[in-house]
C-alpha atoms as a PDB file:
ATOM      1  CA  MET A   1     169.069  83.337  57.524  1.00  0.00           C
ATOM      2  CA  ILE A   2     172.717  83.876  56.536  1.00  0.00           C
ATOM      3  CA  TYR A   3     173.714  82.785  60.043  1.00  0.00           C
ATOM      4  CA  ALA A   4     171.887  79.470  59.570  1.00  0.00           C
ATOM      5  CA  ILE A   5     173.602  78.813  56.230  1.00  0.00           C
ATOM      6  CA  ILE A   6     177.022  79.628  57.665  1.00  0.00           C
ATOM      7  CA  SER A   7     176.313  77.507  60.743  1.00  0.00           C
ATOM      8  CA  PHE A   8     175.247  74.533  58.643  1.00  0.00           C
ATOM      9  CA  SER A   9     178.264  74.867  56.328  1.00  0.00           C
ATOM     10  CA  ALA A  10     180.689  75.193  59.237  1.00  0.00           C
ATOM     11  CA  SER A  11     179.193  72.197  61.033  1.00  0.00           C
ATOM     12  CA  TYR A  12     179.406  70.025  57.938  1.00  0.00           C
ATOM     13  CA  ILE A  13     182.981  71.082  57.172  1.00  0.00           C
ATOM     14  CA  MET A  14     184.023  70.417  60.767  1.00  0.00           C
ATOM     15  CA  PHE A  15     182.410  66.985  60.663  1.00  0.00           C
ATOM     16  CA  VAL A  16     184.099  66.012  57.394  1.00  0.00           C
ATOM     17  CA  PHE A  17     187.567  67.236  58.252  1.00  0.00           C
ATOM     18  CA  CYS A  18     187.534  65.907  61.821  1.00  0.00           C
ATOM     19  CA  LEU A  19     186.571  62.547  60.353  1.00  0.00           C
ATOM     20  CA  PHE A  20     189.340  62.959  57.773  1.00  0.00           C
ATOM     21  CA  GLN A  21     191.893  63.693  60.505  1.00  0.00           C
ATOM     22  CA  GLY A  22     190.700  60.647  62.419  1.00  0.00           C
ATOM     23  CA  VAL A  23     191.116  58.439  59.367  1.00  0.00           C
ATOM     24  CA  LEU A  24     194.608  59.863  58.798  1.00  0.00           C
ATOM     25  CA  ASP A  25     195.489  59.107  62.419  1.00  0.00           C
ATOM     26  CA  MET A  26     194.068  55.638  61.948  1.00  0.00           C
ATOM     27  CA  SER A  27     196.435  55.207  58.992  1.00  0.00           C
ATOM     28  CA  ASP A  28     199.344  56.264  61.204  1.00  0.00           C
ATOM     29  CA  GLN A  29     198.097  53.809  63.801  1.00  0.00           C
ATOM     30  CA  ILE A  30     198.110  51.012  61.237  1.00  0.00           C
ATOM     31  CA  ASN A  31     201.661  51.943  60.194  1.00  0.00           C
ATOM     32  CA  GLU A  32     202.829  51.825  63.832  1.00  0.00           C
ATOM     33  CA  LEU A  33     201.046  48.519  64.257  1.00  0.00           C
ATOM     34  CA  HIS A  34     202.828  47.029  61.263  1.00  0.00           C
ATOM     35  CA  LYS A  35     206.131  48.123  62.764  1.00  0.00           C
ATOM     36  CA  ALA A  36     205.247  46.529  66.115  1.00  0.00           C
ATOM     37  CA  GLU A  37     203.837  43.231  64.953  1.00  0.00           C
ATOM     38  CA  HIS A  38     205.812  40.063  64.413  1.00  0.00           C
ATOM     39  CA  SER A  39     205.587  38.386  61.040  1.00  0.00           C
ATOM     40  CA  ALA A  40     203.610  35.477  62.512  1.00  0.00           C
ATOM     41  CA  LYS A  41     200.935  37.585  64.245  1.00  0.00           C
ATOM     42  CA  LYS A  42     198.473  39.762  62.335  1.00  0.00           C
ATOM     43  CA  TYR A  43     196.180  42.376  63.867  1.00  0.00           C
ATOM     44  CA  HIS A  44     193.173  43.511  61.907  1.00  0.00           C
ATOM     45  CA  PRO A  45     192.853  47.266  61.307  1.00  0.00           C
ATOM     46  CA  MET A  46     189.874  49.170  62.653  1.00  0.00           C
ATOM     47  CA  ARG A  47     187.151  49.883  60.122  1.00  0.00           C
ATOM     48  CA  ALA A  48     186.704  53.552  59.256  1.00  0.00           C
ATOM     49  CA  GLY A  49     182.939  53.356  59.827  1.00  0.00           C
ATOM     50  CA  LEU A  50     183.512  52.837  63.539  1.00  0.00           C
ATOM     51  CA  TRP A  51     184.135  56.586  63.832  1.00  0.00           C
ATOM     52  CA  MET A  52     180.369  56.964  63.859  1.00  0.00           C
ATOM     53  CA  ILE A  53     180.138  54.936  67.098  1.00  0.00           C
ATOM     54  CA  PRO A  54     183.039  56.014  69.338  1.00  0.00           C
ATOM     55  CA  PRO A  55     182.214  53.765  72.340  1.00  0.00           C
ATOM     56  CA  LEU A  56     182.275  50.671  70.102  1.00  0.00           C
ATOM     57  CA  LYS A  57     185.541  51.828  68.508  1.00  0.00           C
ATOM     58  CA  ILE A  58     187.122  52.287  71.935  1.00  0.00           C
ATOM     59  CA  MET A  59     185.971  48.858  73.146  1.00  0.00           C
ATOM     60  CA  LEU A  60     187.375  47.119  70.050  1.00  0.00           C
ATOM     61  CA  GLU A  61     190.544  49.205  70.243  1.00  0.00           C
ATOM     62  CA  ARG A  62     191.076  48.243  73.887  1.00  0.00           C
ATOM     63  CA  ASN A  63     190.713  44.540  73.057  1.00  0.00           C
ATOM     64  CA  ARG A  64     193.160  44.860  70.180  1.00  0.00           C
ATOM     65  CA  LEU A  65     195.694  46.701  72.360  1.00  0.00           C
ATOM     66  CA  LYS A  66     195.472  43.938  74.980  1.00  0.00           C
ATOM     67  CA  LYS A  67     196.300  41.330  72.328  1.00  0.00           C
ATOM     68  CA  ILE A  68     199.250  43.358  71.119  1.00  0.00           C
ATOM     69  CA  LEU A  69     200.568  43.864  74.659  1.00  0.00           C
ATOM     70  CA  LEU A  70     200.292  40.146  75.426  1.00  0.00           C
ATOM     71  CA  ASN A  71     202.476  39.405  72.403  1.00  0.00           C
ATOM     72  CA  ALA A  72     205.130  42.013  73.287  1.00  0.00           C
ATOM     73  CA  LYS A  73     208.259  40.090  74.255  1.00  0.00           C
ATOM     74  CA  SER A  74     211.132  42.578  74.288  1.00  0.00           C
ATOM     75  CA  ASP A  75     211.840  46.163  75.305  1.00  0.00           C
ATOM     76  CA  THR A  76     211.806  47.123  71.636  1.00  0.00           C
ATOM     77  CA  ASP A  77     208.322  45.647  71.278  1.00  0.00           C
ATOM     78  CA  ILE A  78     207.137  47.597  74.313  1.00  0.00           C
ATOM     79  CA  LYS A  79     208.563  50.860  72.902  1.00  0.00           C
ATOM     80  CA  LYS A  80     206.793  50.198  69.619  1.00  0.00           C
ATOM     81  CA  PHE A  81     203.609  49.444  71.535  1.00  0.00           C
ATOM     82  CA  ARG A  82     203.855  52.785  73.338  1.00  0.00           C
ATOM     83  CA  ALA A  83     204.181  54.606  70.003  1.00  0.00           C
ATOM     84  CA  PHE A  84     201.164  52.670  68.757  1.00  0.00           C
ATOM     85  CA  TYR A  85     199.255  53.477  71.961  1.00  0.00           C
ATOM     86  CA  ASN A  86     199.913  57.223  71.576  1.00  0.00           C
ATOM     87  CA  VAL A  87     198.643  57.213  68.014  1.00  0.00           C
ATOM     88  CA  SER A  88     195.653  55.154  69.156  1.00  0.00           C
ATOM     89  CA  ASN A  89     194.779  57.799  71.739  1.00  0.00           C
ATOM     90  CA  GLN A  90     194.916  60.486  69.065  1.00  0.00           C
ATOM     91  CA  SER A  91     192.614  58.565  66.761  1.00  0.00           C
ATOM     92  CA  THR A  92     190.191  57.947  69.638  1.00  0.00           C
ATOM     93  CA  ALA A  93     190.103  61.667  70.418  1.00  0.00           C
ATOM     94  CA  TRP A  94     189.356  62.444  66.777  1.00  0.00           C
ATOM     95  CA  ALA A  95     186.595  59.825  66.835  1.00  0.00           C
ATOM     96  CA  TYR A  96     184.800  61.704  69.594  1.00  0.00           C
ATOM     97  CA  ILE A  97     185.383  65.101  67.994  1.00  0.00           C
ATOM     98  CA  SER A  98     184.075  63.793  64.675  1.00  0.00           C
ATOM     99  CA  PHE A  99     181.034  62.297  66.394  1.00  0.00           C
ATOM    100  CA  ALA A 100     180.290  65.616  68.131  1.00  0.00           C
ATOM    101  CA  CYS A 101     180.667  67.505  64.850  1.00  0.00           C
ATOM    102  CA  MET A 102     178.358  65.012  63.145  1.00  0.00           C
ATOM    103  CA  LEU A 103     175.702  65.634  65.810  1.00  0.00           C
ATOM    104  CA  ASP A 104     176.197  69.395  65.443  1.00  0.00           C
ATOM    105  CA  SER A 105     175.730  69.179  61.676  1.00  0.00           C
ATOM    106  CA  ILE A 106     172.525  67.204  62.196  1.00  0.00           C
ATOM    107  CA  VAL A 107     171.195  69.853  64.582  1.00  0.00           C
ATOM    108  CA  SER A 108     172.129  72.589  62.122  1.00  0.00           C
ATOM    109  CA  ILE A 109     169.750  71.012  59.582  1.00  0.00           C
ATOM    110  CA  LYS A 110     166.863  71.948  61.861  1.00  0.00           C
ATOM    111  CA  THR A 111     168.314  75.438  62.366  1.00  0.00           C
ATOM    112  CA  LEU A 112     168.568  75.901  58.614  1.00  0.00           C
ATOM    113  CA  PHE A 113     164.963  74.842  58.033  1.00  0.00           C
ATOM    114  CA  ASP A 114     163.737  77.067  60.864  1.00  0.00           C
ATOM    115  CA  ALA A 115     165.587  80.071  59.421  1.00  0.00           C
ATOM    116  CA  PHE A 116     163.741  79.683  56.116  1.00  0.00           C
ATOM    117  CA  ARG A 117     160.481  78.848  57.947  1.00  0.00           C
ATOM    118  CA  TRP A 118     160.194  75.531  56.143  1.00  0.00           C
ATOM    119  CA  HIS A 119     158.395  72.632  57.770  1.00  0.00           C
ATOM    120  CA  LEU A 120     160.678  69.701  58.563  1.00  0.00           C
ATOM    121  CA  SER A 121     158.937  66.386  59.173  1.00  0.00           C
ATOM    122  CA  ILE A 122     160.647  63.626  61.130  1.00  0.00           C
ATOM    123  CA  PRO A 123     161.146  61.310  58.105  1.00  0.00           C
ATOM    124  CA  VAL A 124     162.662  64.141  56.047  1.00  0.00           C
ATOM    125  CA  PHE A 125     164.891  65.107  58.994  1.00  0.00           C
ATOM    126  CA  ILE A 126     166.110  61.512  59.334  1.00  0.00           C
ATOM    127  CA  LEU A 127     166.681  61.250  55.585  1.00  0.00           C
ATOM    128  CA  LEU A 128     168.647  64.509  55.469  1.00  0.00           C
ATOM    129  CA  SER A 129     170.672  63.474  58.519  1.00  0.00           C
ATOM    130  CA  LEU A 130     171.594  60.167  56.887  1.00  0.00           C
ATOM    131  CA  LEU A 131     172.414  61.980  53.665  1.00  0.00           C
ATOM    132  CA  ILE A 132     174.785  64.331  55.527  1.00  0.00           C
ATOM    133  CA  ILE A 133     176.511  61.405  57.243  1.00  0.00           C
ATOM    134  CA  ILE A 134     176.847  59.335  54.062  1.00  0.00           C
ATOM    135  CA  ALA A 135     178.057  62.303  51.998  1.00  0.00           C
ATOM    136  CA  GLY A 136     180.662  63.179  54.624  1.00  0.00           C
ATOM    137  CA  TYR A 137     181.834  59.599  54.919  1.00  0.00           C
ATOM    138  CA  ALA A 138     182.040  59.225  51.125  1.00  0.00           C
ATOM    139  CA  GLN A 139     184.032  62.446  50.817  1.00  0.00           C
ATOM    140  CA  VAL A 140     186.547  61.295  53.421  1.00  0.00           C
ATOM    141  CA  MET A 141     186.882  57.847  51.854  1.00  0.00           C
ATOM    142  CA  TYR A 142     187.569  59.506  48.507  1.00  0.00           C
ATOM    143  CA  ARG A 143     190.232  61.766  50.059  1.00  0.00           C
ATOM    144  CA  VAL A 144     192.141  58.775  51.443  1.00  0.00           C
ATOM    145  CA  SER A 145     191.592  56.520  48.422  1.00  0.00           C
ATOM    146  CA  ASP A 146     194.370  55.179  46.236  1.00  0.00           C
ATOM    147  CA  ASP A 147     192.660  56.702  43.172  1.00  0.00           C
ATOM    148  CA  ARG A 148     193.066  60.194  44.585  1.00  0.00           C
ATOM    149  CA  LYS A 149     196.695  59.498  45.501  1.00  0.00           C
ATOM    150  CA  GLU A 150     197.359  58.353  41.931  1.00  0.00           C
ATOM    151  CA  LYS A 151     195.700  61.473  40.476  1.00  0.00           C
ATOM    152  CA  ILE A 152     197.770  63.728  42.711  1.00  0.00           C
ATOM    153  CA  GLY A 153     200.928  61.775  41.832  1.00  0.00           C
ATOM    154  CA  THR A 154     200.179  62.151  38.126  1.00  0.00           C
ATOM    155  CA  LYS A 155     199.635  65.906  38.514  1.00  0.00           C
ATOM    156  CA  ILE A 156     202.897  66.294  40.438  1.00  0.00           C
ATOM    157  CA  ASN A 157     204.816  64.336  37.790  1.00  0.00           C
ATOM    158  CA  ARG A 158     203.255  66.475  35.067  1.00  0.00           C
ATOM    159  CA  LEU A 159     204.291  69.647  36.892  1.00  0.00           C
ATOM    160  CA  LYS A 160     207.852  68.354  37.313  1.00  0.00           C
ATOM    161  CA  LYS A 161     208.139  67.887  33.538  1.00  0.00           C
ATOM    162  CA  GLN A 162     207.107  71.475  32.825  1.00  0.00           C
END
């Protein structure tokens, strides 16, 4: 029983923080992209929700990288593209790790219910799985939000004054 609780908690934490790392890498990717792009050409950032569907994220990422490469005109642009490409590979890796952790946390729901000998119907299982995914996604979006950055900045400024 304790094993099931620990397993569920570990799976959920891994899912959330792998997703968080992926979103952080995506932010780095966007920063590299802004460095590489010309003022006339804009490239749209990847949506954070695409972490839930890694093959779709990779397909869209590949198309975006092709557009960027076609617009690279100088050696400096190509160097910036390579930096962007490396960060893109990191974010893609985190997308797959996050997806695997999400699946593991979904499976651990069943393990948890089995440990307590509770019946788990398919609709309840689907509902709990969606709840886990939405709660994890919401937690990550809060962690990278501007509101949280402002709160942390305010706390740091308050500590500096003391």
